[in-house]
PDB file of N, CA and C in Angstrom:
ATOM      1  N   UNK A   1      -3.638 -11.674 -36.761  1.00  0.00           N
ATOM      2  CA  UNK A   1      -3.173 -10.376 -36.326  1.00  0.00           C
ATOM      3  C   UNK A   1      -2.979 -10.416 -34.810  1.00  0.00           C
ATOM      4  N   UNK A   2      -1.790 -10.035 -34.363  1.00  0.00           N
ATOM      5  CA  UNK A   2      -1.493  -9.988 -32.932  1.00  0.00           C
ATOM      6  C   UNK A   2      -1.565  -8.558 -32.439  1.00  0.00           C
ATOM      7  N   UNK A   3      -2.207  -8.377 -31.283  1.00  0.00           N
ATOM      8  CA  UNK A   3      -2.326  -7.035 -30.722  1.00  0.00           C
ATOM      9  C   UNK A   3      -1.051  -6.587 -30.048  1.00  0.00           C
ATOM     10  N   UNK A   4      -0.359  -7.529 -29.416  1.00  0.00           N
ATOM     11  CA  UNK A   4       0.868  -7.201 -28.704  1.00  0.00           C
ATOM     12  C   UNK A   4       2.061  -7.802 -29.442  1.00  0.00           C
ATOM     13  N   UNK A   5       3.214  -7.168 -29.310  1.00  0.00           N
ATOM     14  CA  UNK A   5       4.426  -7.665 -29.936  1.00  0.00           C
ATOM     15  C   UNK A   5       5.075  -8.773 -29.123  1.00  0.00           C
ATOM     16  N   UNK A   6       4.532  -9.099 -27.969  1.00  0.00           N
ATOM     17  CA  UNK A   6       5.101 -10.118 -27.095  1.00  0.00           C
ATOM     18  C   UNK A   6       4.004 -11.082 -26.677  1.00  0.00           C
ATOM     19  N   UNK A   7       4.406 -12.237 -26.303  1.00  0.00           N
ATOM     20  CA  UNK A   7       3.462 -13.242 -25.809  1.00  0.00           C
ATOM     21  C   UNK A   7       3.891 -13.610 -24.388  1.00  0.00           C
ATOM     22  N   UNK A   8       2.985 -13.482 -23.407  1.00  0.00           N
ATOM     23  CA  UNK A   8       3.366 -13.778 -22.029  1.00  0.00           C
ATOM     24  C   UNK A   8       3.681 -15.250 -21.821  1.00  0.00           C
ATOM     25  N   UNK A   9       4.675 -15.514 -20.989  1.00  0.00           N
ATOM     26  CA  UNK A   9       5.011 -16.888 -20.643  1.00  0.00           C
ATOM     27  C   UNK A   9       4.200 -17.274 -19.414  1.00  0.00           C
ATOM     28  N   UNK A  10       3.566 -18.393 -19.432  1.00  0.00           N
ATOM     29  CA  UNK A  10       2.735 -18.817 -18.310  1.00  0.00           C
ATOM     30  C   UNK A  10       1.335 -18.240 -18.410  1.00  0.00           C
ATOM     31  N   UNK A  11       0.599 -18.343 -17.328  1.00  0.00           N
ATOM     32  CA  UNK A  11      -0.779 -17.866 -17.316  1.00  0.00           C
ATOM     33  C   UNK A  11      -0.843 -16.385 -16.972  1.00  0.00           C
ATOM     34  N   UNK A  12      -1.858 -15.724 -17.490  1.00  0.00           N
ATOM     35  CA  UNK A  12      -2.153 -14.340 -17.143  1.00  0.00           C
ATOM     36  C   UNK A  12      -3.549 -14.319 -16.542  1.00  0.00           C
ATOM     37  N   UNK A  13      -3.719 -13.538 -15.484  1.00  0.00           N
ATOM     38  CA  UNK A  13      -4.994 -13.455 -14.794  1.00  0.00           C
ATOM     39  C   UNK A  13      -5.569 -12.053 -14.930  1.00  0.00           C
ATOM     40  N   UNK A  14      -6.844 -11.989 -15.240  1.00  0.00           N
ATOM     41  CA  UNK A  14      -7.553 -10.717 -15.287  1.00  0.00           C
ATOM     42  C   UNK A  14      -8.192 -10.515 -13.918  1.00  0.00           C
ATOM     43  N   UNK A  15      -7.740  -9.483 -13.202  1.00  0.00           N
ATOM     44  CA  UNK A  15      -8.184  -9.257 -11.831  1.00  0.00           C
ATOM     45  C   UNK A  15      -8.866  -7.903 -11.701  1.00  0.00           C
ATOM     46  N   UNK A  16      -9.643  -7.755 -10.639  1.00  0.00           N
ATOM     47  CA  UNK A  16     -10.324  -6.506 -10.336  1.00  0.00           C
ATOM     48  C   UNK A  16      -9.810  -5.996  -8.998  1.00  0.00           C
ATOM     49  N   UNK A  17      -9.372  -4.753  -8.966  1.00  0.00           N
ATOM     50  CA  UNK A  17      -8.796  -4.153  -7.761  1.00  0.00           C
ATOM     51  C   UNK A  17      -9.841  -4.070  -6.645  1.00  0.00           C
ATOM     52  N   UNK A  18      -9.444  -4.479  -5.447  1.00  0.00           N
ATOM     53  CA  UNK A  18     -10.354  -4.414  -4.293  1.00  0.00           C
ATOM     54  C   UNK A  18     -10.601  -2.983  -3.828  1.00  0.00           C
ATOM     55  N   UNK A  19      -9.686  -2.060  -4.118  1.00  0.00           N
ATOM     56  CA  UNK A  19      -9.807  -0.691  -3.651  1.00  0.00           C
ATOM     57  C   UNK A  19     -10.651   0.185  -4.574  1.00  0.00           C
ATOM     58  N   UNK A  20     -10.281   0.233  -5.860  1.00  0.00           N
ATOM     59  CA  UNK A  20     -10.961   1.148  -6.783  1.00  0.00           C
ATOM     60  C   UNK A  20     -11.879   0.444  -7.786  1.00  0.00           C
ATOM     61  N   UNK A  21     -11.731  -0.867  -7.930  1.00  0.00           N
ATOM     62  CA  UNK A  21     -12.599  -1.618  -8.822  1.00  0.00           C
ATOM     63  C   UNK A  21     -12.144  -1.680 -10.273  1.00  0.00           C
ATOM     64  N   UNK A  22     -10.998  -1.099 -10.601  1.00  0.00           N
ATOM     65  CA  UNK A  22     -10.522  -1.151 -11.985  1.00  0.00           C
ATOM     66  C   UNK A  22      -9.870  -2.507 -12.275  1.00  0.00           C
ATOM     67  N   UNK A  23      -9.917  -2.893 -13.509  1.00  0.00           N
ATOM     68  CA  UNK A  23      -9.347  -4.168 -13.925  1.00  0.00           C
ATOM     69  C   UNK A  23      -7.883  -4.037 -14.293  1.00  0.00           C
ATOM     70  N   UNK A  24      -7.115  -5.104 -14.072  1.00  0.00           N
ATOM     71  CA  UNK A  24      -5.708  -5.126 -14.459  1.00  0.00           C
ATOM     72  C   UNK A  24      -5.271  -6.570 -14.672  1.00  0.00           C
ATOM     73  N   UNK A  25      -4.147  -6.741 -15.356  1.00  0.00           N
ATOM     74  CA  UNK A  25      -3.597  -8.059 -15.635  1.00  0.00           C
ATOM     75  C   UNK A  25      -2.444  -8.366 -14.697  1.00  0.00           C
ATOM     76  N   UNK A  26      -2.347  -9.621 -14.299  1.00  0.00           N
ATOM     77  CA  UNK A  26      -1.251 -10.042 -13.436  1.00  0.00           C
ATOM     78  C   UNK A  26      -0.845 -11.455 -13.811  1.00  0.00           C
ATOM     79  N   UNK A  27       0.417 -11.773 -13.618  1.00  0.00           N
ATOM     80  CA  UNK A  27       0.874 -13.134 -13.861  1.00  0.00           C
ATOM     81  C   UNK A  27       0.694 -13.999 -12.625  1.00  0.00           C
ATOM     82  N   UNK A  28       0.175 -13.391 -11.542  1.00  0.00           N
ATOM     83  CA  UNK A  28      -0.087 -14.117 -10.299  1.00  0.00           C
ATOM     84  C   UNK A  28      -1.575 -14.063  -9.983  1.00  0.00           C
ATOM     85  N   UNK A  29      -2.136 -15.155  -9.486  1.00  0.00           N
ATOM     86  CA  UNK A  29      -3.526 -15.190  -9.076  1.00  0.00           C
ATOM     87  C   UNK A  29      -3.589 -14.725  -7.626  1.00  0.00           C
ATOM     88  N   UNK A  30      -3.745 -13.424  -7.428  1.00  0.00           N
ATOM     89  CA  UNK A  30      -3.698 -12.808  -6.109  1.00  0.00           C
ATOM     90  C   UNK A  30      -4.996 -13.027  -5.337  1.00  0.00           C
ATOM     91  N   UNK A  31      -4.873 -13.287  -4.023  1.00  0.00           N
ATOM     92  CA  UNK A  31      -6.061 -13.459  -3.188  1.00  0.00           C
ATOM     93  C   UNK A  31      -6.730 -12.121  -2.899  1.00  0.00           C
ATOM     94  N   UNK A  32      -5.933 -11.089  -2.696  1.00  0.00           N
ATOM     95  CA  UNK A  32      -6.444  -9.742  -2.441  1.00  0.00           C
ATOM     96  C   UNK A  32      -5.845  -8.804  -3.482  1.00  0.00           C
ATOM     97  N   UNK A  33      -6.396  -8.767  -4.693  1.00  0.00           N
ATOM     98  CA  UNK A  33      -5.797  -7.970  -5.761  1.00  0.00           C
ATOM     99  C   UNK A  33      -5.889  -6.475  -5.502  1.00  0.00           C
ATOM    100  N   UNK A  34      -4.792  -5.789  -5.786  1.00  0.00           N
ATOM    101  CA  UNK A  34      -4.737  -4.327  -5.702  1.00  0.00           C
ATOM    102  C   UNK A  34      -3.917  -3.827  -6.887  1.00  0.00           C
ATOM    103  N   UNK A  35      -4.447  -2.849  -7.600  1.00  0.00           N
ATOM    104  CA  UNK A  35      -3.770  -2.355  -8.804  1.00  0.00           C
ATOM    105  C   UNK A  35      -2.561  -1.510  -8.425  1.00  0.00           C
ATOM    106  N   UNK A  36      -1.743  -1.178  -9.385  1.00  0.00           N
ATOM    107  CA  UNK A  36      -0.523  -0.418  -9.145  1.00  0.00           C
ATOM    108  C   UNK A  36      -0.774   0.978  -8.610  1.00  0.00           C
ATOM    109  N   UNK A  37      -1.821   1.650  -9.096  1.00  0.00           N
ATOM    110  CA  UNK A  37      -2.121   3.002  -8.619  1.00  0.00           C
ATOM    111  C   UNK A  37      -2.512   2.991  -7.148  1.00  0.00           C
ATOM    112  N   UNK A  38      -3.363   2.058  -6.749  1.00  0.00           N
ATOM    113  CA  UNK A  38      -3.792   1.984  -5.349  1.00  0.00           C
ATOM    114  C   UNK A  38      -2.649   1.530  -4.451  1.00  0.00           C
ATOM    115  N   UNK A  39      -1.765   0.688  -4.971  1.00  0.00           N
ATOM    116  CA  UNK A  39      -0.617   0.243  -4.195  1.00  0.00           C
ATOM    117  C   UNK A  39       0.323   1.411  -3.913  1.00  0.00           C
ATOM    118  N   UNK A  40       0.567   2.250  -4.917  1.00  0.00           N
ATOM    119  CA  UNK A  40       1.417   3.424  -4.726  1.00  0.00           C
ATOM    120  C   UNK A  40       0.775   4.401  -3.738  1.00  0.00           C
ATOM    121  N   UNK A  41      -0.551   4.566  -3.835  1.00  0.00           N
ATOM    122  CA  UNK A  41      -1.260   5.458  -2.923  1.00  0.00           C
ATOM    123  C   UNK A  41      -1.142   4.951  -1.487  1.00  0.00           C
ATOM    124  N   UNK A  42      -1.279   3.656  -1.280  1.00  0.00           N
ATOM    125  CA  UNK A  42      -1.167   3.071   0.065  1.00  0.00           C
ATOM    126  C   UNK A  42       0.251   3.230   0.605  1.00  0.00           C
ATOM    127  N   UNK A  43       1.255   3.058  -0.250  1.00  0.00           N
ATOM    128  CA  UNK A  43       2.647   3.222   0.186  1.00  0.00           C
ATOM    129  C   UNK A  43       2.931   4.661   0.577  1.00  0.00           C
ATOM    130  N   UNK A  44       2.422   5.619  -0.186  1.00  0.00           N
ATOM    131  CA  UNK A  44       2.691   7.015   0.117  1.00  0.00           C
ATOM    132  C   UNK A  44       1.954   7.456   1.378  1.00  0.00           C
ATOM    133  N   UNK A  45       0.749   6.939   1.621  1.00  0.00           N
ATOM    134  CA  UNK A  45       0.023   7.290   2.836  1.00  0.00           C
ATOM    135  C   UNK A  45       0.714   6.744   4.069  1.00  0.00           C
ATOM    136  N   UNK A  46       1.331   5.565   3.952  1.00  0.00           N
ATOM    137  CA  UNK A  46       2.004   4.953   5.090  1.00  0.00           C
ATOM    138  C   UNK A  46       3.247   5.731   5.483  1.00  0.00           C
ATOM    139  N   UNK A  47       3.817   6.486   4.555  1.00  0.00           N
ATOM    140  CA  UNK A  47       5.016   7.271   4.879  1.00  0.00           C
ATOM    141  C   UNK A  47       4.688   8.737   5.148  1.00  0.00           C
ATOM    142  N   UNK A  48       3.386   9.087   5.179  1.00  0.00           N
ATOM    143  CA  UNK A  48       2.966  10.459   5.440  1.00  0.00           C
ATOM    144  C   UNK A  48       2.828  10.681   6.941  1.00  0.00           C
ATOM    145  N   UNK A  49       3.319  11.811   7.400  1.00  0.00           N
ATOM    146  CA  UNK A  49       3.275  12.156   8.824  1.00  0.00           C
ATOM    147  C   UNK A  49       2.231  13.254   9.041  1.00  0.00           C
ATOM    148  N   UNK A  50       1.372  13.066  10.021  1.00  0.00           N
ATOM    149  CA  UNK A  50       0.436  14.099  10.436  1.00  0.00           C
ATOM    150  C   UNK A  50       1.060  14.818  11.636  1.00  0.00           C
ATOM    151  N   UNK A  51       1.550  16.027  11.402  1.00  0.00           N
ATOM    152  CA  UNK A  51       2.291  16.756  12.424  1.00  0.00           C
ATOM    153  C   UNK A  51       1.398  17.380  13.495  1.00  0.00           C
ATOM    154  N   UNK A  52       0.107  17.555  13.201  1.00  0.00           N
ATOM    155  CA  UNK A  52      -0.773  18.191  14.176  1.00  0.00           C
ATOM    156  C   UNK A  52      -1.280  17.224  15.248  1.00  0.00           C
ATOM    157  N   UNK A  53      -1.087  15.931  15.072  1.00  0.00           N
ATOM    158  CA  UNK A  53      -1.519  14.943  16.053  1.00  0.00           C
ATOM    159  C   UNK A  53      -0.344  14.491  16.918  1.00  0.00           C
ATOM    160  N   UNK A  54      -0.654  14.002  18.111  1.00  0.00           N
ATOM    161  CA  UNK A  54       0.361  13.542  19.051  1.00  0.00           C
ATOM    162  C   UNK A  54       0.238  12.039  19.259  1.00  0.00           C
ATOM    163  N   UNK A  55       1.371  11.382  19.444  1.00  0.00           N
ATOM    164  CA  UNK A  55       1.441   9.939  19.664  1.00  0.00           C
ATOM    165  C   UNK A  55       0.715   9.585  20.961  1.00  0.00           C
ATOM    166  N   UNK A  56      -0.120   8.563  20.922  1.00  0.00           N
ATOM    167  CA  UNK A  56      -0.874   8.186  22.114  1.00  0.00           C
ATOM    168  C   UNK A  56      -0.027   7.400  23.110  1.00  0.00           C
ATOM    169  N   UNK A  57       1.165   6.956  22.695  1.00  0.00           N
ATOM    170  CA  UNK A  57       2.030   6.200  23.609  1.00  0.00           C
ATOM    171  C   UNK A  57       3.077   7.086  24.279  1.00  0.00           C
ATOM    172  N   UNK A  58       3.824   7.863  23.485  1.00  0.00           N
ATOM    173  CA  UNK A  58       4.905   8.680  24.063  1.00  0.00           C
ATOM    174  C   UNK A  58       4.581  10.167  24.117  1.00  0.00           C
ATOM    175  N   UNK A  59       3.566  10.621  23.382  1.00  0.00           N
ATOM    176  CA  UNK A  59       3.158  12.016  23.424  1.00  0.00           C
ATOM    177  C   UNK A  59       3.870  12.947  22.465  1.00  0.00           C
ATOM    178  N   UNK A  60       4.831  12.449  21.689  1.00  0.00           N
ATOM    179  CA  UNK A  60       5.542  13.322  20.743  1.00  0.00           C
ATOM    180  C   UNK A  60       4.634  13.678  19.568  1.00  0.00           C
ATOM    181  N   UNK A  61       4.876  14.836  18.947  1.00  0.00           N
ATOM    182  CA  UNK A  61       4.055  15.263  17.819  1.00  0.00           C
ATOM    183  C   UNK A  61       4.507  14.555  16.548  1.00  0.00           C
ATOM    184  N   UNK A  62       3.558  14.315  15.676  1.00  0.00           N
ATOM    185  CA  UNK A  62       3.829  13.653  14.404  1.00  0.00           C
ATOM    186  C   UNK A  62       3.547  12.174  14.463  1.00  0.00           C
ATOM    187  N   UNK A  63       2.396  11.767  13.892  1.00  0.00           N
ATOM    188  CA  UNK A  63       2.024  10.357  13.856  1.00  0.00           C
ATOM    189  C   UNK A  63       1.887   9.905  12.401  1.00  0.00           C
ATOM    190  N   UNK A  64       1.947   8.606  12.186  1.00  0.00           N
ATOM    191  CA  UNK A  64       1.754   8.041  10.850  1.00  0.00           C
ATOM    192  C   UNK A  64       0.305   8.273  10.443  1.00  0.00           C
ATOM    193  N   UNK A  65       0.075   8.596   9.170  1.00  0.00           N
ATOM    194  CA  UNK A  65      -1.257   8.875   8.666  1.00  0.00           C
ATOM    195  C   UNK A  65      -2.197   7.706   8.961  1.00  0.00           C
ATOM    196  N   UNK A  66      -3.309   7.985   9.599  1.00  0.00           N
ATOM    197  CA  UNK A  66      -4.306   6.970   9.896  1.00  0.00           C
ATOM    198  C   UNK A  66      -3.979   6.106  11.110  1.00  0.00           C
ATOM    199  N   UNK A  67      -2.911   6.402  11.804  1.00  0.00           N
ATOM    200  CA  UNK A  67      -2.512   5.634  12.978  1.00  0.00           C
ATOM    201  C   UNK A  67      -2.530   6.552  14.197  1.00  0.00           C
ATOM    202  N   UNK A  68      -2.249   5.998  15.369  1.00  0.00           N
ATOM    203  CA  UNK A  68      -2.224   6.787  16.591  1.00  0.00           C
ATOM    204  C   UNK A  68      -0.818   6.898  17.171  1.00  0.00           C
ATOM    205  N   UNK A  69       0.177   6.312  16.496  1.00  0.00           N
ATOM    206  CA  UNK A  69       1.524   6.250  17.029  1.00  0.00           C
ATOM    207  C   UNK A  69       2.531   6.907  16.086  1.00  0.00           C
ATOM    208  N   UNK A  70       3.648   7.382  16.655  1.00  0.00           N
ATOM    209  CA  UNK A  70       4.754   7.887  15.846  1.00  0.00           C
ATOM    210  C   UNK A  70       5.539   6.683  15.309  1.00  0.00           C
ATOM    211  N   UNK A  71       6.502   6.942  14.434  1.00  0.00           N
ATOM    212  CA  UNK A  71       7.275   5.840  13.854  1.00  0.00           C
ATOM    213  C   UNK A  71       8.010   5.030  14.919  1.00  0.00           C
ATOM    214  N   UNK A  72       8.603   5.730  15.899  1.00  0.00           N
ATOM    215  CA  UNK A  72       9.384   5.036  16.933  1.00  0.00           C
ATOM    216  C   UNK A  72       8.525   4.064  17.730  1.00  0.00           C
ATOM    217  N   UNK A  73       7.341   4.499  18.129  1.00  0.00           N
ATOM    218  CA  UNK A  73       6.466   3.619  18.920  1.00  0.00           C
ATOM    219  C   UNK A  73       5.812   2.548  18.046  1.00  0.00           C
ATOM    220  N   UNK A  74       5.438   2.906  16.809  1.00  0.00           N
ATOM    221  CA  UNK A  74       4.765   1.949  15.924  1.00  0.00           C
ATOM    222  C   UNK A  74       5.678   0.777  15.561  1.00  0.00           C
ATOM    223  N   UNK A  75       6.949   1.074  15.318  1.00  0.00           N
ATOM    224  CA  UNK A  75       7.902   0.030  14.938  1.00  0.00           C
ATOM    225  C   UNK A  75       8.790  -0.412  16.100  1.00  0.00           C
ATOM    226  N   UNK A  76       8.461   0.010  17.320  1.00  0.00           N
ATOM    227  CA  UNK A  76       9.209  -0.352  18.537  1.00  0.00           C
ATOM    228  C   UNK A  76      10.685   0.034  18.469  1.00  0.00           C
ATOM    229  N   UNK A  77      10.975   1.258  17.965  1.00  0.00           N
ATOM    230  CA  UNK A  77      12.347   1.744  17.913  1.00  0.00           C
ATOM    231  C   UNK A  77      12.719   2.458  19.207  1.00  0.00           C
ATOM    232  N   UNK A  78      11.748   2.689  20.081  1.00  0.00           N
ATOM    233  CA  UNK A  78      11.992   3.438  21.308  1.00  0.00           C
ATOM    234  C   UNK A  78      12.907   2.689  22.276  1.00  0.00           C
ATOM    235  N   UNK A  79      13.362   3.405  23.286  1.00  0.00           N
ATOM    236  CA  UNK A  79      14.234   2.811  24.294  1.00  0.00           C
ATOM    237  C   UNK A  79      13.447   1.848  25.169  1.00  0.00           C
ATOM    238  N   UNK A  80      14.084   0.779  25.570  1.00  0.00           N
ATOM    239  CA  UNK A  80      13.427  -0.213  26.412  1.00  0.00           C
ATOM    240  C   UNK A  80      13.960  -0.150  27.818  1.00  0.00           C
TER     241      UNK A  80
END
């Protein structure tokens, strides 16, 4: 009796997420495993702007969540 209707090609690795501790399957043996839910959460936080804080480099309002710089200063988009 097969549980799945498909058979994976190659090796499958059972990994534990470094962030939340839940288990997941991957076809890659990751050095720093992170599950899909935590990966989406990290991506959304990186694109979140905190409007009440000011950039420590240029002083404009709105910084990246958890950072001290706005997008322009963080990614060096500012004028040189």
